[in-house]
Protein backbone atom coordinates (compact mmCIF):
# COMPACT_ATOMS: atom_id res chain seq x y z
CA MET A 1 -6.55 20.35 1.20
CA ALA A 2 -5.35 16.93 -0.40
CA THR A 3 -4.83 16.98 -3.65
CA PRO A 4 -6.83 14.32 -6.14
CA LEU A 5 -5.72 11.18 -7.04
CA PRO A 6 -6.69 9.18 -9.82
CA ALA A 7 -9.93 7.10 -8.88
CA PRO A 8 -8.14 3.81 -8.35
CA PHE A 9 -5.30 5.01 -6.57
CA HIS A 10 -8.01 6.84 -4.22
CA GLN A 11 -10.09 3.54 -4.18
CA ALA A 12 -6.69 1.80 -2.61
CA MET A 13 -6.04 4.53 -0.16
CA ALA A 14 -9.80 3.94 1.15
CA LEU A 15 -9.15 0.41 1.22
CA ALA A 16 -5.44 1.36 3.10
CA TRP A 17 -7.56 3.58 5.63
CA ASP A 18 -9.94 0.78 6.38
CA SER A 19 -7.49 -1.75 7.02
CA PHE A 20 -5.68 0.47 9.37
CA ARG A 21 -9.06 1.46 11.25
CA HIS A 22 -9.46 -2.34 11.96
CA GLY A 23 -6.12 -3.14 13.14
CA SER A 24 -3.91 -4.09 10.27
CA LEU A 25 -1.03 -2.36 8.47
CA GLY A 26 -2.76 0.32 6.48
CA ILE A 27 -2.46 -0.78 2.49
CA GLY A 28 -4.91 -1.49 0.12
CA ALA A 29 -4.80 -2.48 -3.31
CA VAL A 30 -7.60 -2.47 -6.54
CA ILE A 31 -7.34 -4.37 -9.87
CA THR A 32 -8.86 -2.38 -13.02
CA VAL A 33 -9.81 -3.69 -16.73
CA ASP A 34 -10.45 -1.46 -19.06
CA ASP A 35 -10.92 1.24 -16.11
CA ARG A 36 -13.37 -0.60 -14.45
CA THR A 37 -12.42 -2.27 -11.29
CA VAL A 38 -12.92 -6.04 -11.19
CA ALA A 39 -11.29 -6.75 -7.60
CA THR A 40 -10.19 -5.31 -4.23
CA GLY A 41 -8.52 -6.09 -1.39
CA ARG A 42 -6.88 -4.97 2.00
CA ASN A 43 -3.91 -5.42 4.31
CA ARG A 44 -5.90 -8.00 7.15
CA LEU A 45 -2.68 -9.14 8.79
CA LEU A 46 -3.34 -8.63 12.30
CA GLU A 47 -7.76 -9.61 11.85
CA GLN A 48 -9.03 -12.71 12.14
CA ASP A 49 -12.47 -12.33 9.60
CA PRO A 50 -11.46 -12.18 5.88
CA GLY A 51 -14.41 -10.03 5.47
CA GLU A 52 -15.21 -9.69 1.55
CA ASP A 53 -11.51 -10.88 0.99
CA MET A 54 -9.94 -14.51 0.84
CA LEU A 55 -7.26 -13.99 3.59
CA ALA A 56 -7.12 -12.83 7.28
CA GLY A 57 -4.39 -13.39 10.59
CA THR A 58 -1.89 -14.48 8.26
CA SER A 59 1.29 -13.74 6.78
CA LEU A 60 -0.09 -14.22 3.48
CA ALA A 61 -3.09 -11.53 4.27
CA HIS A 62 -1.65 -8.64 2.21
CA ALA A 63 -3.80 -6.28 0.42
CA GLU A 64 -2.35 -7.39 -3.15
CA MET A 65 -2.95 -11.00 -2.33
CA ASN A 66 -6.26 -10.73 -1.15
CA ALA A 67 -7.53 -8.88 -4.83
CA ILE A 68 -4.98 -11.57 -6.85
CA ALA A 69 -7.17 -14.37 -5.42
CA LYS A 70 -10.45 -12.67 -6.66
CA LEU A 71 -8.76 -13.34 -10.23
CA PRO A 72 -11.33 -15.70 -12.26
CA TRP A 73 -8.31 -17.97 -14.08
CA ARG A 74 -7.78 -16.73 -17.26
CA GLN A 75 -10.70 -14.65 -17.40
CA PHE A 76 -8.99 -11.44 -18.65
CA ARG A 77 -6.15 -13.55 -21.04
CA GLY A 78 -4.55 -10.96 -23.28
CA GLU A 79 -6.06 -7.90 -21.79
CA GLU A 80 -4.35 -5.00 -20.01
CA VAL A 81 -4.70 -6.00 -15.84
CA HIS A 82 -3.88 -3.06 -13.85
CA LEU A 83 -2.88 -3.44 -10.29
CA TRP A 84 -3.06 0.04 -8.21
CA THR A 85 -1.52 -0.55 -4.45
CA THR A 86 -0.69 2.16 -1.97
CA LEU A 87 2.43 0.51 -1.12
CA GLU A 88 5.41 -1.15 -3.40
CA LEU A 89 5.27 -4.84 -3.42
CA CYS A 90 7.18 -7.05 -1.35
CA VAL A 91 8.65 -10.26 -2.70
CA GLN A 92 5.59 -12.40 -1.73
CA CYS A 93 3.03 -10.10 -3.60
CA LEU A 94 5.53 -9.56 -6.65
CA GLY A 95 5.49 -13.09 -7.04
CA ALA A 96 1.67 -13.48 -6.81
CA VAL A 97 1.34 -10.50 -9.34
CA ARG A 98 4.07 -12.24 -11.95
CA LEU A 99 2.39 -15.57 -11.75
CA SER A 100 -1.10 -13.72 -12.37
CA GLN A 101 -2.96 -11.73 -14.96
CA VAL A 102 -1.51 -8.81 -13.80
CA THR A 103 0.29 -6.73 -16.78
CA HIS A 104 0.35 -3.35 -15.08
CA VAL A 105 1.66 -2.07 -11.51
CA HIS A 106 1.17 1.36 -9.90
CA VAL A 107 2.46 2.01 -6.88
CA LEU A 108 2.00 4.87 -4.71
CA ALA A 109 4.47 4.93 -2.30
CA PRO A 110 7.90 2.99 -1.84
CA ASP A 111 8.65 0.71 0.64
CA PRO A 112 11.88 0.77 2.83
CA TYR A 113 12.09 -2.99 3.05
CA PHE A 114 11.36 -3.70 -0.78
CA ARG A 115 12.71 -0.82 -2.57
CA GLY A 116 14.02 -1.92 -5.87
CA ILE A 117 12.97 -5.57 -5.55
CA ASP A 118 11.77 -5.48 -8.99
CA ARG A 119 14.72 -5.78 -10.32
CA ILE A 120 14.44 -9.28 -9.36
CA SER A 121 13.20 -10.09 -12.39
CA GLY A 122 16.58 -10.40 -13.98
CA ALA A 123 17.43 -13.36 -11.57
CA HIS A 124 15.83 -15.79 -14.09
CA ALA A 125 14.59 -16.24 -17.43
CA ALA A 126 11.19 -17.41 -16.39
CA LEU A 127 10.74 -14.58 -14.09
CA ALA A 128 11.82 -11.71 -17.06
CA ASP A 129 8.91 -13.23 -18.82
CA ASN A 130 5.55 -11.92 -19.61
CA TRP A 131 7.17 -9.58 -16.58
CA PRO A 132 4.79 -7.06 -15.46
CA VAL A 133 5.31 -3.05 -16.19
CA ILE A 134 5.47 -1.21 -13.20
CA ASP A 135 5.09 2.49 -12.49
CA HIS A 136 6.29 4.55 -9.68
CA ARG A 137 3.90 7.77 -8.67
CA PRO A 138 6.08 10.44 -7.97
CA VAL A 139 6.21 11.48 -4.37
CA ASP A 140 3.89 13.62 -2.83
CA GLU A 141 1.72 14.14 0.42
CA TRP A 142 -0.59 10.87 -0.58
CA ALA A 143 3.03 8.39 -0.59
CA ALA A 144 3.55 10.35 3.15
CA PHE A 145 -0.11 9.32 4.17
CA SER A 146 0.25 5.76 2.92
CA LEU A 147 3.31 5.10 4.75
CA LEU A 148 2.20 7.14 7.73
CA PHE A 149 -0.18 3.98 8.26
CA GLN A 150 2.38 1.57 8.60
CA THR A 151 4.99 3.61 10.45
CA HIS A 152 1.83 4.65 13.28
CA VAL A 153 1.46 0.87 13.44
CA ALA A 154 4.89 -0.11 14.09
CA ALA A 155 5.69 3.13 16.71
CA PHE A 156 1.94 2.19 18.27
CA TRP A 157 2.95 -1.48 18.93
CA GLY A 158 6.90 -0.52 19.72
CA ALA A 159 7.55 -3.15 16.68
CA ALA A 160 10.94 -3.91 15.76
CA ALA A 161 11.33 -2.48 12.49
CA PRO A 162 14.60 -2.44 11.58
CA GLY A 163 15.80 0.14 8.44
CA TRP A 164 12.30 1.48 8.65
CA PHE A 165 12.62 4.85 10.65
CA GLU A 166 16.13 5.16 9.60
CA ALA A 167 14.76 5.79 6.11
CA LEU A 168 12.04 7.60 7.14
CA PRO A 169 13.29 9.94 10.44
CA ALA A 170 10.28 12.80 9.91
CA LEU A 171 7.45 10.19 9.20
CA GLY A 172 8.47 8.47 12.18
CA GLU A 173 8.51 11.43 14.33
CA LEU A 174 5.09 12.61 13.24
CA ALA A 175 3.98 9.15 13.49
CA GLU A 176 5.33 9.08 17.66
CA SER A 177 3.59 12.37 18.09
CA LEU A 178 0.52 11.03 16.66
CA VAL A 179 0.68 7.81 18.84
CA ALA A 180 1.72 9.98 21.60
CA SER A 181 -1.44 12.29 21.48
CA GLY A 182 -3.91 9.46 20.10
CA GLU A 183 -5.03 11.81 17.31
CA LEU A 184 -4.67 9.41 14.54
CA ILE A 185 -6.81 6.50 16.73
CA ASP A 186 -9.41 9.46 17.68
CA ILE A 187 -9.88 10.03 14.45
CA ALA A 188 -10.12 6.45 13.09
CA SER A 189 -12.90 5.92 15.90
CA SER A 190 -14.99 8.11 14.51
CA ASP A 191 -15.24 6.62 11.32
CA PRO A 192 -14.86 9.31 8.35
CA VAL A 193 -13.89 8.98 5.12
CA VAL A 194 -10.16 8.78 4.00
CA ASP A 195 -10.36 12.76 2.15
CA GLU A 196 -11.50 14.13 5.65
CA VAL A 197 -8.00 12.12 7.25
CA ALA A 198 -5.89 13.21 4.08
CA ASP A 199 -6.98 16.68 4.53
CA ARG A 200 -6.80 16.97 8.04
CA LEU A 201 -2.98 16.04 7.93
CA TRP A 202 -1.84 17.11 4.93
CA SER A 203 -0.29 20.02 6.30
CA ARG A 204 2.14 17.95 8.70
CA LEU A 205 2.89 15.58 5.57
CA GLY A 206 5.30 17.45 3.92
CA VAL A 207 8.23 17.16 6.28
CA ALA A 208 8.41 13.58 5.07
CA LEU A 209 8.83 14.19 1.55
CA ASP A 210 12.46 14.42 1.02
CA ASP A 211 12.74 11.11 2.96
CA ILE A 212 10.21 9.47 0.96
CA ARG A 213 11.90 11.00 -2.53
CA ALA A 214 15.64 9.82 -1.17
CA LEU A 215 14.22 6.37 -0.76
CA ALA A 216 12.47 6.41 -3.97
CA ALA A 217 15.73 7.82 -5.70
CA SER A 218 17.53 4.61 -4.18
């Protein structure tokens, strides 16, 4: 059975599952102020309808971009603004965070493509000024579950993902088996809540933890 997640991460994972069910990359983001959710977003890269978000069907339609786009200009100036994301920020979203009111970023899973991208803060004085505090949650099955969404999408479409499957070989094998059986797609079609899906896959996610921990330590 899945272990509990902090509420904002749980909400972000629910958004990630919703993203995956709708054919996008399975990433979710939540922004909180004083433990209140003030904005949410999910990846809608492969969708045309933005729904409750601002962006869809474009390379800009990342979960974090959709969440940040909902922050009113200067409304939370001087306050701690926390962004909770299911996947490590890409360079685009990291730039958007730096230019936003976000002061803290909480990351559920490392990204094989953008691991350590936050080191870019040292490249320019303007970047380093007011750079957000970035916290990476210790790797567990939730991190594997988060990464499974993107890995499954890549395996399903036979997409070129240089370096991804090499960094996550065990998760890649799990994703390919789920694609072959159609199990995860069948689960998605029945529209269960994210906890039910996590419970169903939990015992199989542990095989990927060594790879993900090695990635997180790189």
